[in-house]
Protein backbone atom coordinates (compact mmCIF):
# COMPACT_ATOMS: atom_id res chain seq x y z
CA MET A 1 78.37 99.59 121.16
CA THR A 2 77.95 95.90 120.11
CA LYS A 3 76.38 97.31 117.20
CA HIS A 4 79.32 99.29 116.51
CA PHE A 5 82.28 96.66 116.55
CA ALA A 6 79.96 94.43 114.86
CA PHE A 7 79.83 97.16 111.76
CA LEU A 8 83.47 97.86 111.88
CA ALA A 9 84.16 93.65 111.81
CA LEU A 10 82.06 93.96 108.62
CA ALA A 11 84.28 96.68 107.14
CA ALA A 12 87.51 94.86 108.11
CA ALA A 13 86.21 92.12 106.39
CA ALA A 14 85.77 94.24 103.45
CA VAL A 15 88.41 95.88 102.87
CA ALA A 16 90.43 92.51 103.90
CA ALA A 17 88.63 91.08 100.84
CA CYS A 18 90.25 93.73 99.14
CA GLU A 19 93.92 92.97 100.13
CA GLN A 20 94.59 89.47 99.41
CA ASN A 21 98.61 90.36 99.44
CA ARG A 22 98.87 91.90 102.62
CA SER A 23 102.70 92.23 103.02
CA ILE A 24 105.49 91.46 101.20
CA THR A 25 106.63 87.86 101.06
CA ASN A 26 108.81 87.17 98.39
CA PRO A 27 111.84 89.76 97.04
CA ALA A 28 111.33 92.14 94.61
CA ALA A 29 111.68 90.37 91.14
CA PRO A 30 113.21 92.23 88.00
CA ILE A 31 110.33 93.85 86.17
CA ALA A 32 109.66 91.53 82.74
CA SER A 33 107.17 91.99 79.50
CA SER A 34 105.00 89.28 78.53
CA LEU A 35 102.46 91.43 76.81
CA GLN A 36 102.83 91.35 72.73
CA ALA A 37 101.01 94.20 70.35
CA GLN A 38 97.68 92.95 69.34
CA PRO A 39 95.54 94.42 66.33
CA ASN A 40 92.21 95.66 67.24
CA SER A 41 89.19 93.16 66.90
CA ASP A 42 88.06 95.92 64.17
CA GLY A 43 91.22 95.76 62.61
CA SER A 44 91.81 99.07 62.76
CA GLY A 45 94.98 98.73 64.56
CA GLY A 46 94.42 101.44 67.57
CA ASN A 47 94.23 105.09 67.16
CA ASP A 48 94.76 106.01 70.85
CA GLY A 49 98.47 107.20 69.78
CA PRO A 50 101.65 105.72 72.65
CA GLY A 51 101.50 106.59 76.42
CA ALA A 52 102.71 104.96 79.88
CA VAL A 53 101.07 103.23 82.73
CA TYR A 54 102.78 103.67 86.21
CA THR A 55 102.73 101.39 89.65
CA LEU A 56 104.40 101.78 92.51
CA THR A 57 106.68 99.09 93.86
CA ASN A 58 106.27 100.29 97.65
CA GLN A 59 109.23 98.60 98.82
CA VAL A 60 110.41 99.31 102.44
CA ALA A 61 113.84 99.69 101.07
CA GLY A 62 113.13 102.02 98.73
CA ASN A 63 110.17 102.78 96.73
CA ALA A 64 110.26 103.12 93.04
CA VAL A 65 107.88 103.94 90.10
CA ALA A 66 107.54 101.22 87.77
CA VAL A 67 107.15 102.22 84.27
CA PHE A 68 105.48 100.90 81.11
CA THR A 69 105.31 102.40 78.08
CA ARG A 70 102.05 101.87 75.81
CA GLY A 71 101.99 101.36 72.32
CA ALA A 72 98.62 102.66 70.59
CA ASP A 73 97.32 99.32 70.36
CA GLY A 74 97.29 99.45 74.11
CA GLY A 75 100.32 96.95 74.39
CA LEU A 76 102.72 97.13 77.21
CA THR A 77 106.53 97.22 77.38
CA ALA A 78 108.24 97.08 80.59
CA ALA A 79 110.71 100.28 80.60
CA GLY A 80 112.40 99.91 84.08
CA ALA A 81 111.80 101.36 87.39
CA VAL A 82 112.73 105.23 88.58
CA ALA A 83 112.96 105.76 92.42
CA THR A 84 111.26 108.01 94.51
CA GLY A 85 113.57 108.93 97.11
CA GLY A 86 111.05 107.65 99.57
CA ALA A 87 110.28 104.51 101.03
CA GLY A 88 107.28 101.80 101.06
CA THR A 89 105.49 99.79 103.61
CA GLY A 90 105.65 96.40 101.57
CA ALA A 91 101.94 95.78 102.57
CA SER A 92 98.29 96.61 101.49
CA LEU A 93 97.99 100.76 101.85
CA GLY A 94 93.91 99.88 101.65
CA SER A 95 93.48 102.56 98.48
CA GLN A 96 93.13 104.33 95.21
CA SER A 97 95.07 107.02 93.61
CA ALA A 98 98.34 106.35 95.26
CA VAL A 99 100.34 107.26 91.93
CA SER A 100 98.73 110.05 90.01
CA LEU A 101 99.10 112.10 86.80
CA SER A 102 98.46 115.68 86.38
CA ASN A 103 95.63 116.12 83.47
CA ASP A 104 98.21 116.88 80.87
CA GLY A 105 100.63 114.10 81.67
CA ARG A 106 103.10 116.07 82.29
CA ARG A 107 103.87 115.68 85.86
CA LEU A 108 103.47 112.47 87.70
CA PHE A 109 102.77 112.21 91.37
CA ALA A 110 103.59 109.50 94.39
CA VAL A 111 103.16 108.70 97.66
CA ASN A 112 105.85 107.30 99.83
CA PRO A 113 103.79 106.00 102.42
CA GLY A 114 107.10 104.37 104.45
CA SER A 115 108.95 107.61 104.76
CA ASN A 116 105.75 109.95 104.85
CA ASP A 117 106.66 112.12 101.83
CA VAL A 118 105.24 112.71 98.37
CA SER A 119 107.31 112.91 95.12
CA VAL A 120 106.94 114.88 91.96
CA PHE A 121 108.51 113.85 88.63
CA ALA A 122 108.51 115.62 85.10
CA VAL A 123 107.48 113.43 82.30
CA SER A 124 109.12 113.74 79.14
CA GLN A 125 109.48 111.14 75.99
CA ALA A 126 112.87 110.59 77.82
CA GLY A 127 110.99 109.63 80.86
CA LEU A 128 110.62 110.47 84.41
CA ALA A 129 113.11 113.34 85.93
CA LEU A 130 112.58 113.47 90.05
CA ALA A 131 111.43 116.82 90.74
CA SER A 132 111.06 117.12 94.10
CA ARG A 133 110.38 115.18 97.78
CA THR A 134 108.42 116.98 100.08
CA ALA A 135 106.61 115.91 103.60
CA SER A 136 103.38 114.84 103.42
CA GLY A 137 101.54 116.71 106.15
CA GLY A 138 101.12 113.68 108.07
CA THR A 139 101.93 110.38 108.42
CA LEU A 140 101.32 107.35 106.15
CA PRO A 141 100.19 108.73 102.91
CA ILE A 142 98.00 106.82 100.42
CA SER A 143 96.02 109.09 98.39
CA LEU A 144 96.64 112.05 96.09
CA THR A 145 94.92 114.37 93.55
CA VAL A 146 95.99 117.47 91.77
CA HIS A 147 93.84 120.31 89.98
CA GLY A 148 95.75 123.25 88.38
CA ASN A 149 98.59 124.20 90.62
CA VAL A 150 97.18 123.00 93.80
CA LEU A 151 97.56 119.42 95.37
CA TYR A 152 96.32 117.46 98.04
CA VAL A 153 97.05 114.19 100.21
CA LEU A 154 95.30 112.14 101.84
CA ASN A 155 97.44 111.10 104.84
CA ALA A 156 95.74 107.62 107.07
CA GLY A 157 98.21 107.27 110.06
CA GLY A 158 97.31 108.87 113.47
CA ASN A 159 93.98 110.21 113.30
CA GLY A 160 94.45 111.20 109.71
CA ASN A 161 94.03 114.23 107.57
CA ILE A 162 93.80 115.84 104.15
CA SER A 163 96.97 118.31 103.19
CA GLY A 164 97.09 120.95 100.69
CA PHE A 165 100.55 121.87 98.39
CA THR A 166 100.57 124.49 95.73
CA LEU A 167 102.92 122.99 92.71
CA GLY A 168 105.46 125.41 91.32
CA THR A 169 106.60 125.63 88.12
CA ASN A 170 109.74 123.04 88.65
CA GLY A 171 107.81 120.75 90.08
CA ASP A 172 108.73 122.07 93.79
CA LEU A 173 105.73 121.61 96.74
CA THR A 174 104.48 124.74 98.98
CA SER A 175 102.39 123.85 101.86
CA ILE A 176 99.53 125.97 101.90
CA ALA A 177 98.82 127.66 105.09
CA GLY A 178 95.50 126.48 106.73
CA ALA A 179 94.81 123.69 104.40
CA THR A 180 95.67 120.52 106.44
CA LEU A 181 92.32 119.51 107.82
CA PRO A 182 90.97 116.82 109.77
CA LEU A 183 88.42 113.88 108.61
CA SER A 184 85.18 112.96 110.00
CA GLY A 185 86.81 111.14 112.95
CA SER A 186 90.07 109.24 114.33
CA THR A 187 90.54 105.37 113.04
CA VAL A 188 87.98 106.03 110.46
CA GLY A 189 89.64 104.10 107.46
CA PRO A 190 90.25 106.67 104.77
CA ALA A 191 90.98 105.09 100.58
CA GLU A 192 90.62 107.88 98.24
CA VAL A 193 90.74 112.09 97.64
CA GLN A 194 90.00 113.50 94.45
CA PHE A 195 89.03 116.96 93.01
CA SER A 196 85.77 117.58 91.58
CA PRO A 197 86.09 118.51 88.21
CA ASP A 198 85.82 121.98 88.68
CA GLY A 199 88.55 121.90 91.49
CA SER A 200 86.17 123.71 93.44
CA HIS A 201 85.79 121.06 95.86
CA LEU A 202 87.59 117.62 97.45
CA LEU A 203 85.75 114.50 98.12
CA VAL A 204 87.11 111.71 100.51
CA THR A 205 85.96 107.96 101.28
CA GLU A 206 85.79 106.58 105.11
CA LYS A 207 85.56 102.88 104.78
CA ASN A 208 85.11 102.30 108.38
CA THR A 209 82.44 105.26 109.03
CA ASN A 210 80.42 104.48 105.76
CA LEU A 211 80.82 108.31 105.16
CA LEU A 212 81.51 110.35 102.25
CA ASP A 213 83.36 113.80 103.39
CA VAL A 214 83.23 116.80 101.07
CA TYR A 215 85.70 120.07 102.06
CA ALA A 216 85.22 123.62 100.05
CA VAL A 217 88.42 124.72 98.25
CA ASP A 218 88.66 128.47 97.64
CA ALA A 219 90.30 130.42 94.89
CA ASN A 220 93.70 130.21 96.88
CA GLY A 221 93.62 126.32 97.24
CA VAL A 222 92.55 126.48 100.69
CA ALA A 223 90.08 123.75 101.87
CA SER A 224 87.44 123.96 104.71
CA GLY A 225 85.00 120.88 106.28
CA PRO A 226 84.39 118.57 106.06
CA THR A 227 80.78 117.64 105.69
CA THR A 228 79.54 114.20 105.54
CA THR A 229 77.30 112.44 103.67
CA ALA A 230 76.16 108.81 104.81
CA SER A 231 77.30 106.26 101.96
CA ALA A 232 74.39 104.07 100.00
CA GLY A 233 76.85 101.05 100.35
CA GLY A 234 78.90 99.54 102.89
CA THR A 235 81.97 100.14 102.72
CA PRO A 236 82.82 103.14 99.77
CA PHE A 237 86.43 102.81 98.55
CA GLY A 238 87.62 104.10 95.29
CA PHE A 239 85.44 106.73 93.28
CA ALA A 240 85.54 108.80 90.16
CA PHE A 241 84.12 111.72 88.63
CA GLY A 242 82.31 111.86 85.50
CA LEU A 243 80.56 114.29 83.68
CA ARG A 244 78.06 117.00 85.11
CA ASN A 245 79.96 116.36 88.78
CA ASP A 246 78.11 112.49 88.35
CA LEU A 247 80.08 110.74 90.84
CA PHE A 248 81.05 106.75 90.88
CA VAL A 249 81.62 105.05 93.68
CA SER A 250 82.88 101.63 94.17
CA GLU A 251 81.55 99.59 98.08
CA ALA A 252 83.81 96.82 99.11
CA ALA A 253 80.57 95.25 100.68
CA GLY A 254 79.69 94.09 97.20
CA SER A 255 78.17 96.91 94.86
CA ALA A 256 78.47 100.82 93.61
CA SER A 257 76.26 103.47 93.75
CA SER A 258 76.37 106.79 91.86
CA TYR A 259 75.86 110.52 92.87
CA VAL A 260 75.51 113.92 91.76
CA LEU A 261 77.37 116.86 93.51
CA ASP A 262 75.03 119.64 93.88
CA ALA A 263 76.11 123.28 93.37
CA SER A 264 77.03 123.36 97.07
CA GLY A 265 79.06 119.93 96.83
CA THR A 266 76.56 117.74 98.74
CA PRO A 267 76.51 114.54 96.86
CA ALA A 268 72.84 113.50 95.82
CA LEU A 269 72.36 109.92 95.57
CA VAL A 270 70.85 108.77 92.12
CA SER A 271 71.17 104.81 92.17
CA GLY A 272 72.25 103.41 95.65
CA ALA A 273 73.83 100.26 96.02
CA VAL A 274 73.51 98.42 93.14
CA SER A 275 75.19 95.24 93.62
CA THR A 276 78.14 94.09 91.31
CA HIS A 277 77.60 90.08 92.15
CA GLN A 278 81.04 90.28 92.59
CA GLY A 279 83.28 90.31 95.64
CA ALA A 280 85.16 93.42 97.15
CA PRO A 281 84.61 95.93 94.62
CA CYS A 282 86.88 98.29 95.57
CA TRP A 283 88.09 100.55 92.50
CA ALA A 284 86.41 102.51 90.36
CA VAL A 285 87.31 104.44 87.08
CA VAL A 286 84.92 106.45 84.85
CA THR A 287 85.38 106.86 80.93
CA ALA A 288 86.39 109.87 79.35
CA ASP A 289 83.11 110.58 77.99
CA GLY A 290 81.19 109.82 80.93
CA ARG A 291 79.32 107.15 79.88
CA PHE A 292 80.76 103.50 81.21
CA GLY A 293 81.92 103.10 85.01
CA PHE A 294 84.20 99.93 86.40
CA THR A 295 85.35 98.58 89.50
CA GLY A 296 88.34 96.69 90.21
CA ASN A 297 86.96 93.42 92.26
CA GLY A 298 89.28 92.26 94.78
CA ALA A 299 87.71 88.57 94.43
CA GLY A 300 89.55 88.94 90.39
CA SER A 301 87.16 90.83 88.34
CA VAL A 302 86.17 93.67 86.68
CA SER A 303 82.28 95.07 86.78
CA ALA A 304 81.49 97.29 83.68
CA PHE A 305 78.52 99.88 84.27
CA ALA A 306 76.69 102.28 81.86
CA ILE A 307 76.18 105.57 83.10
CA ALA A 308 72.75 107.57 82.33
CA PRO A 309 73.15 111.16 81.28
CA ASP A 310 70.87 111.39 84.97
CA GLY A 311 74.02 109.57 86.49
CA ALA A 312 71.72 106.54 87.01
CA ILE A 313 74.40 103.46 86.78
CA SER A 314 73.38 99.76 85.66
CA LEU A 315 75.38 96.62 85.10
CA VAL A 316 76.39 95.91 81.54
CA ASP A 317 76.66 92.01 82.41
CA ALA A 318 74.08 90.47 84.60
CA ASN A 319 76.46 88.82 86.48
CA GLY A 320 78.95 92.01 87.03
CA GLY A 321 81.36 89.73 85.32
CA THR A 322 82.84 91.71 82.60
CA ALA A 323 86.20 90.49 82.66
CA LEU A 324 87.64 87.71 84.71
CA ILE A 325 91.19 87.68 85.70
CA GLY A 326 91.93 86.35 88.80
CA SER A 327 92.27 86.55 92.81
CA GLY A 328 94.03 89.73 94.11
CA ILE A 329 92.83 92.85 91.66
CA ASN A 330 93.99 95.89 93.27
CA ASP A 331 93.88 98.92 91.35
CA ILE A 332 92.26 99.98 87.72
CA ALA A 333 93.41 102.82 85.15
CA LEU A 334 91.95 104.22 82.10
CA SER A 335 94.21 105.26 79.51
CA HIS A 336 93.69 109.16 78.46
CA ASN A 337 90.70 108.85 76.36
CA SER A 338 89.46 105.55 77.79
CA ARG A 339 90.36 103.21 74.92
CA TYR A 340 92.29 100.85 77.18
CA LEU A 341 92.01 99.56 80.64
CA TYR A 342 94.48 98.46 82.92
CA VAL A 343 94.26 96.36 85.85
CA LEU A 344 96.71 95.56 88.84
CA GLN A 345 96.82 91.80 90.37
CA THR A 346 98.58 91.17 93.44
CA GLY A 347 97.01 88.06 94.55
CA GLY A 348 99.08 84.78 92.75
CA ALA A 349 100.33 86.33 89.71
CA GLN A 350 102.12 90.27 90.02
CA ALA A 351 100.68 91.79 86.93
CA ILE A 352 99.20 94.29 85.40
CA HIS A 353 96.43 93.23 82.66
CA ALA A 354 95.61 95.42 79.72
CA PHE A 355 92.12 95.12 77.85
CA ARG A 356 90.86 97.21 75.23
CA VAL A 357 87.15 99.20 75.81
CA ALA A 358 84.86 98.53 73.03
CA ALA A 359 81.86 101.09 72.55
CA ASP A 360 79.01 99.05 74.35
CA GLY A 361 81.39 99.00 77.72
CA HIS A 362 82.76 95.34 76.97
CA LEU A 363 86.33 94.41 77.70
CA THR A 364 88.58 92.51 75.03
CA ALA A 365 91.78 91.11 77.17
CA LEU A 366 95.05 92.00 75.25
CA GLY A 367 97.30 90.28 77.97
CA PRO A 368 99.28 90.82 81.19
CA VAL A 369 102.70 92.19 82.05
CA GLY A 370 104.41 90.67 84.72
CA GLY A 371 107.21 90.69 87.00
CA LEU A 372 106.12 93.22 89.36
CA PRO A 373 107.19 92.97 93.04
CA ALA A 374 105.28 91.94 95.91
CA GLY A 375 103.85 94.95 97.68
CA THR A 376 103.25 96.83 94.70
CA ARG A 377 100.22 99.34 94.62
CA GLY A 378 98.86 102.24 93.05
CA LEU A 379 98.20 102.24 89.30
CA ALA A 380 98.00 105.47 86.63
CA ALA A 381 97.82 105.66 82.96
CA PHE A 382 97.98 108.06 80.19
């Protein structure tokens, strides 16, 4: 029993390092842009095409999606906020993928953790249009994932669960019968849910138990399970899939690990608990070509990892400090073709930082866009 409580205390300390802005201490401020367009260091001027970056204001009085248009050079311009119709918590969610985009960028999905529901938006050149708002199938939704027309929500309240829905052509969500399933136990501290690349499995990270949960998903979108695998490192948090079912997991205790999902969906360890040498690596992304993974570290930095063809990972910079930002990093996201990396900072500054991703995995800072309200959580980019 003593060992169990000691383990939970260590997990709590690791998660706390990821969530330095734990509640709203300042009133919501107007979203303002301070990021100016800059040419690429190679003089190309950029060729990513325009896009957008999204985050959730997560306010108790009313949640909203803060929108930033992205130029072809990676520059961001504040474009206001669109109400979700639901409520936030004004506090930390301890998660990744609170806001997410469909693969084609035409739908955006957002959790409303304060009202226990999910909002779906249509995305167009004119901006966001709210399409639906649906109960999440549990309490405190913190993460979601979509594959084709199937969406799953991770609910962290109570005993926690995952709950599945089908997505209609108009953006409406319909609950899938038999697709609300428990996690490995109660008080497990879930952090993220994601589909595998082919949609045949779902994976959930559990911070308090050091477990990776895997659910099989049938052709109708109905999940079964979970089966569990022990995490190679302490406090598994964010994760992302690469090519060939490679899996890159950040571990808040100070490391990252890589796995490959076998045909049954079992994560087979490739590189275990590779130290970032940076505090609280909690959020993770992988480039579209599968060559690099990045962790957003709560202590104020980004660590870049090279991913080998066999899934093995190694630090791009020996000290793990590929980019130094400042305390309170709270999420990261890549543009749709991985040319630009965006980092949400909620400790001290309330800002999104932009970086250009070089061919060798190094990052060039482009600058921040500020003015986000305290309590902001989640990040998605296209």
